Amino acid sequence: MSLLTINNAACKGCGICVQACPVSIIAMSNNKTPFVSAEKEKRCVLCGHCESICPDSALKHNYLPEMTPIRREKLKEVTSENIAEYFRSRRSIRAFLPKKVDKEVLEEVIDIVRYAPTGVNRQMNRWVVVSDPQTIRQLGEGVISWMKTMIQANPELANRLNFVGLVTAFERGNDVICRNAPHLIIGYTETAYSTGAKDNTIAASHLELLLPAFGLGGCWAGYLMVALQYSPDLKKVIGLDDSYTVHSALMVGYPKYRYFKTPQRKEAQVNWM
């Protein structure tokens, strides 16, 4: 089966698919029909740009599932003004209501995040969603255990990151690791995948920005993320071994409080060239 099927009756020979292909494997025949030679087909990254961008629906990528048409009427609601306000109003949420998020809602969030960009369209991101309170507590305790080890093994680092203060606070009942969040979403890839950290960080950032649209809030669980990267025992708690590397960890739930003002941020530092 060839890579592309062209509806010759619909194709106008505009060549937009040729220009859109990120790996430049599509060419135009003498009769203005797009094609991919047999020797170039293996270079296809299955991004779907060629089919997605065709204004006449004249091109079908034979190795991709049926595509859903973009609903332009929905995009009219997205303006530079309201999306800028949405971005600026985003807050890192560290106080959550004691209420679980329905599994279907979390599934929808993660389903949308599938569309975050990945290097060469590899789509290697994977997720662990932790909703069991005992497991969340176990992870928090595991981070504290790792911190105690680091206080002895690397006191300079431990001092810089205030590990002693964090351990003391946790043992006094203040969950400074997972913030009593009802859910954790942990992102990882295969360790052998060289751009996993970049891909998963992009996807997790998309996820965190998406949460308020569902009435949810989130915050990066930095201590948990780092401990999962360096502690094999802690990684086993979420069912991972050394063939996988954790790149992100977010606390997720319904925000306990609302915010009413936007704090100022430093001016963007840009070199215009």
Protein backbone atom coordinates (compact mmCIF):
# COMPACT_ATOMS: atom_id res chain seq x y z
CA MET A 1 0.00 0.00 0.00
CA SER A 2 1.36 3.39 -0.96
CA LEU A 3 1.75 6.10 1.68
CA LEU A 4 -0.76 8.52 0.14
CA THR A 5 -3.98 8.22 -1.78
CA ILE A 6 -4.87 11.21 -3.95
CA ASN A 7 -8.38 11.99 -5.13
CA ASN A 8 -7.45 13.32 -8.56
CA ALA A 9 -10.92 14.77 -9.11
CA ALA A 10 -10.59 16.92 -5.98
CA CYS A 11 -6.85 17.72 -6.08
CA LYS A 12 -6.10 21.16 -7.55
CA GLY A 13 -2.35 20.66 -7.61
CA CYS A 14 -1.78 23.57 -5.23
CA GLY A 15 1.32 21.95 -3.68
CA ILE A 16 0.51 23.03 -0.14
CA CYS A 17 1.11 19.48 1.12
CA VAL A 18 4.59 19.58 -0.43
CA GLN A 19 5.42 22.77 1.47
CA ALA A 20 3.91 21.55 4.75
CA CYS A 21 5.78 18.23 4.95
CA PRO A 22 8.38 18.68 7.74
CA VAL A 23 10.70 16.05 6.27
CA SER A 24 10.30 17.15 2.63
CA ILE A 25 9.39 13.76 1.17
CA ILE A 26 6.37 14.85 -0.92
CA ALA A 27 6.95 15.94 -4.50
CA MET A 28 4.69 16.97 -7.39
CA SER A 29 4.45 14.83 -10.51
CA ASN A 30 4.48 16.30 -14.00
CA ASN A 31 0.69 16.35 -13.97
CA LYS A 32 0.62 18.30 -10.66
CA THR A 33 -0.24 15.33 -8.43
CA PRO A 34 1.54 14.96 -5.07
CA PHE A 35 3.37 11.69 -4.45
CA VAL A 36 6.03 10.10 -2.25
CA SER A 37 8.64 7.90 -3.86
CA ALA A 38 9.11 4.40 -2.47
CA GLU A 39 12.63 5.15 -1.18
CA LYS A 40 11.38 8.18 0.78
CA GLU A 41 8.32 6.60 2.38
CA LYS A 42 10.34 5.22 5.28
CA ARG A 43 11.28 8.78 6.27
CA CYS A 44 7.66 9.67 7.01
CA VAL A 45 7.18 10.64 10.68
CA LEU A 46 3.39 10.11 10.56
CA CYS A 47 2.67 13.70 11.61
CA GLY A 48 -0.35 13.97 9.32
CA HIS A 49 0.41 17.53 8.18
CA CYS A 50 -0.11 16.62 4.53
CA GLU A 51 -3.67 15.38 4.99
CA SER A 52 -4.56 17.89 7.66
CA ILE A 53 -3.55 20.92 5.58
CA CYS A 54 -5.21 19.92 2.29
CA PRO A 55 -7.99 22.49 1.71
CA ASP A 56 -9.89 20.18 -0.65
CA SER A 57 -9.70 16.91 1.34
CA ALA A 58 -8.04 15.41 -1.71
CA LEU A 59 -5.24 13.61 0.13
CA LYS A 60 -5.48 10.60 2.46
CA HIS A 61 -2.53 9.32 4.49
CA ASN A 62 -2.98 5.57 4.39
CA TYR A 63 -1.04 4.81 7.59
CA LEU A 64 -3.00 7.14 9.86
CA PRO A 65 -6.47 6.76 11.40
CA GLU A 66 -9.37 8.82 10.09
CA MET A 67 -8.88 12.49 10.99
CA THR A 68 -11.46 14.67 12.73
CA PRO A 69 -12.29 17.93 10.93
CA ILE A 70 -11.28 21.10 12.80
CA ARG A 71 -14.38 22.86 14.12
CA ARG A 72 -13.66 26.45 13.11
CA GLU A 73 -16.75 27.75 14.88
CA LYS A 74 -15.25 26.67 18.20
CA LEU A 75 -11.99 28.47 17.48
CA LYS A 76 -13.86 31.78 17.10
CA GLU A 77 -14.12 31.77 20.88
CA VAL A 78 -10.32 31.76 21.20
CA THR A 79 -8.99 35.28 20.81
CA SER A 80 -5.58 36.71 21.64
CA GLU A 81 -7.22 38.79 24.36
CA ASN A 82 -9.05 36.04 26.22
CA ILE A 83 -6.29 33.45 25.88
CA ALA A 84 -3.78 36.02 27.19
CA GLU A 85 -6.01 36.59 30.22
CA TYR A 86 -6.29 32.83 30.69
CA PHE A 87 -2.49 32.44 30.64
CA ARG A 88 -1.90 35.39 32.97
CA SER A 89 -4.49 34.20 35.50
CA ARG A 90 -2.88 30.78 35.83
CA ARG A 91 -1.67 30.07 39.36
CA SER A 92 0.24 27.18 40.89
CA ILE A 93 -2.26 25.52 43.23
CA ARG A 94 -0.96 24.11 46.50
CA ALA A 95 -4.18 24.01 48.52
CA PHE A 96 -6.88 21.58 47.37
CA LEU A 97 -10.40 20.70 48.36
CA PRO A 98 -10.72 17.22 49.91
CA LYS A 99 -12.62 16.05 46.84
CA LYS A 100 -11.70 13.50 44.20
CA VAL A 101 -11.78 14.38 40.51
CA ASP A 102 -13.85 11.96 38.44
CA LYS A 103 -11.67 9.54 36.51
CA GLU A 104 -13.49 10.51 33.28
CA VAL A 105 -12.38 14.14 33.72
CA LEU A 106 -8.74 13.20 34.21
CA GLU A 107 -8.97 10.88 31.20
CA GLU A 108 -10.26 13.74 29.06
CA VAL A 109 -7.45 16.04 30.19
CA ILE A 110 -4.78 13.47 29.35
CA ASP A 111 -6.49 12.65 26.07
CA ILE A 112 -6.21 16.30 25.01
CA VAL A 113 -2.57 16.46 26.11
CA ARG A 114 -1.80 13.73 23.54
CA TYR A 115 -1.74 16.56 20.99
CA ALA A 116 1.25 18.33 22.56
CA PRO A 117 4.21 18.40 20.14
CA THR A 118 6.95 15.79 20.42
CA GLY A 119 10.34 15.45 18.75
CA VAL A 120 9.95 14.01 15.23
CA ASN A 121 6.36 13.13 16.21
CA ARG A 122 7.58 10.19 18.29
CA GLN A 123 4.73 10.46 20.83
CA MET A 124 6.58 8.53 23.52
CA ASN A 125 5.01 10.19 26.59
CA ARG A 126 3.47 7.94 29.23
CA TRP A 127 1.63 8.75 32.44
CA VAL A 128 0.92 7.35 35.88
CA VAL A 129 -2.14 8.78 37.66
CA VAL A 130 -2.07 8.19 41.40
CA SER A 131 -5.40 8.65 43.20
CA ASP A 132 -5.02 6.24 46.11
CA PRO A 133 -4.37 8.29 49.31
CA GLN A 134 -2.14 5.59 50.81
CA THR A 135 0.06 5.50 47.70
CA ILE A 136 0.30 9.29 47.65
CA ARG A 137 1.32 9.18 51.31
CA GLN A 138 3.83 6.43 50.56
CA LEU A 139 5.38 8.56 47.84
CA GLY A 140 5.63 11.55 50.16
CA GLU A 141 7.29 9.43 52.83
CA GLY A 142 9.62 8.00 50.18
CA VAL A 143 10.72 11.50 49.19
CA ILE A 144 11.44 12.32 52.84
CA SER A 145 13.46 9.10 53.18
CA TRP A 146 15.46 10.07 50.09
CA MET A 147 16.03 13.56 51.53
CA LYS A 148 17.39 12.07 54.75
CA THR A 149 19.84 10.03 52.70
CA MET A 150 20.90 13.15 50.78
CA ILE A 151 21.40 15.12 54.01
CA GLN A 152 24.15 12.63 54.86
CA ALA A 153 25.49 12.01 51.35
CA ASN A 154 25.39 15.55 49.97
CA PRO A 155 25.00 18.06 52.81
CA GLU A 156 25.80 21.03 50.56
CA LEU A 157 22.91 20.23 48.22
CA ALA A 158 20.62 19.36 51.14
CA ASN A 159 21.38 22.67 52.81
CA ARG A 160 20.81 24.64 49.62
CA LEU A 161 17.39 23.00 49.15
CA ASN A 162 16.45 23.14 52.84
CA PHE A 163 15.98 19.38 53.15
CA VAL A 164 16.28 19.50 56.95
CA GLY A 165 13.45 22.03 57.18
CA LEU A 166 11.28 20.03 54.81
CA VAL A 167 11.86 16.78 56.69
CA THR A 168 11.03 18.48 59.99
CA ALA A 169 7.84 20.01 58.58
CA PHE A 170 6.69 16.72 57.08
CA GLU A 171 7.29 14.78 60.27
CA ARG A 172 5.23 17.37 62.15
CA GLY A 173 2.26 16.64 59.89
CA ASN A 174 2.70 19.29 57.19
CA ASP A 175 2.65 17.59 53.80
CA VAL A 176 5.19 19.80 52.05
CA ILE A 177 5.79 17.13 49.38
CA CYS A 178 2.37 16.37 47.85
CA ARG A 179 0.34 19.12 49.58
CA ASN A 180 -2.50 16.72 50.41
CA ALA A 181 -3.41 16.68 46.72
CA PRO A 182 -6.08 14.12 45.81
CA HIS A 183 -4.23 13.14 42.64
CA LEU A 184 -0.71 13.00 41.24
CA ILE A 185 0.00 12.86 37.51
CA ILE A 186 3.51 11.61 36.78
CA GLY A 187 5.00 11.73 33.30
CA TYR A 188 7.75 9.47 32.01
CA THR A 189 9.32 7.98 28.90
CA GLU A 190 11.61 5.11 28.10
CA THR A 191 15.09 5.92 29.39
CA ALA A 192 16.60 5.14 25.99
CA TYR A 193 14.51 7.88 24.33
CA SER A 194 17.00 10.75 24.12
CA THR A 195 14.52 13.65 23.94
CA GLY A 196 12.11 12.27 26.53
CA ALA A 197 12.78 15.06 29.03
CA LYS A 198 11.92 17.78 26.52
CA ASP A 199 8.86 16.02 25.15
CA ASN A 200 7.38 15.21 28.53
CA THR A 201 8.08 18.65 29.98
CA ILE A 202 6.22 20.21 27.05
CA ALA A 203 3.29 17.81 27.52
CA ALA A 204 3.15 18.34 31.28
CA SER A 205 3.19 22.11 30.75
CA HIS A 206 0.25 21.74 28.37
CA LEU A 207 -1.50 19.65 31.02
CA GLU A 208 -0.98 22.19 33.77
CA LEU A 209 -2.26 25.03 31.57
CA LEU A 210 -5.30 22.97 30.59
CA LEU A 211 -6.44 22.17 34.14
CA PRO A 212 -8.28 25.47 34.90
CA ALA A 213 -10.52 24.91 31.87
CA PHE A 214 -11.89 21.90 33.79
CA GLY A 215 -12.21 23.79 37.07
CA LEU A 216 -9.03 22.14 38.33
CA GLY A 217 -5.67 23.38 39.51
CA GLY A 218 -2.21 21.93 39.63
CA CYS A 219 1.35 22.49 40.73
CA TRP A 220 4.61 20.86 39.80
CA ALA A 221 5.66 18.43 42.54
CA GLY A 222 9.34 19.25 42.15
CA TYR A 223 10.70 17.31 45.12
CA LEU A 224 8.75 14.20 44.11
CA MET A 225 9.90 14.52 40.51
CA VAL A 226 13.59 14.75 41.45
CA ALA A 227 13.35 11.93 43.99
CA LEU A 228 11.69 9.69 41.39
CA GLN A 229 14.59 10.42 39.05
CA TYR A 230 17.24 9.42 41.58
CA SER A 231 15.62 6.81 43.81
CA PRO A 232 15.01 3.38 42.22
CA ASP A 233 13.10 2.25 45.33
CA LEU A 234 10.68 5.18 45.06
CA LYS A 235 10.21 4.58 41.36
CA LYS A 236 9.14 1.01 42.10
CA VAL A 237 6.17 2.40 44.06
CA ILE A 238 4.65 3.57 40.78
CA GLY A 239 5.61 0.39 38.95
CA LEU A 240 8.65 1.65 37.04
CA ASP A 241 12.15 0.26 36.73
CA ASP A 242 15.37 1.69 35.32
CA SER A 243 14.17 1.25 31.74
CA TYR A 244 11.95 4.29 32.34
CA THR A 245 12.78 7.83 33.47
CA VAL A 246 10.37 10.23 35.18
CA HIS A 247 10.39 13.76 33.75
CA SER A 248 7.40 15.44 35.39
CA ALA A 249 5.11 15.21 38.41
CA LEU A 250 2.08 17.36 39.10
CA MET A 251 -0.30 17.64 42.04
CA VAL A 252 -3.86 17.95 40.76
CA GLY A 253 -7.25 18.66 42.29
CA TYR A 254 -9.98 21.22 42.85
CA PRO A 255 -8.51 24.51 44.16
CA LYS A 256 -9.47 25.37 47.73
CA TYR A 257 -9.25 29.11 47.05
CA ARG A 258 -9.87 31.54 44.19
CA TYR A 259 -7.44 34.22 43.07
CA PHE A 260 -8.58 37.75 42.28
CA LYS A 261 -5.47 39.57 41.06
CA THR A 262 -2.55 38.83 38.74
CA PRO A 263 0.93 39.34 40.23
CA GLN A 264 3.36 41.17 38.01
CA ARG A 265 6.21 39.30 36.39
CA LYS A 266 9.65 40.45 35.29
CA GLU A 267 9.83 42.05 31.86
CA ALA A 268 10.69 39.61 29.08
CA GLN A 269 14.38 39.67 28.22
CA VAL A 270 14.61 39.53 24.42
CA ASN A 271 17.40 40.11 21.92
CA TRP A 272 15.76 41.25 18.69
CA MET A 273 17.98 40.44 15.72
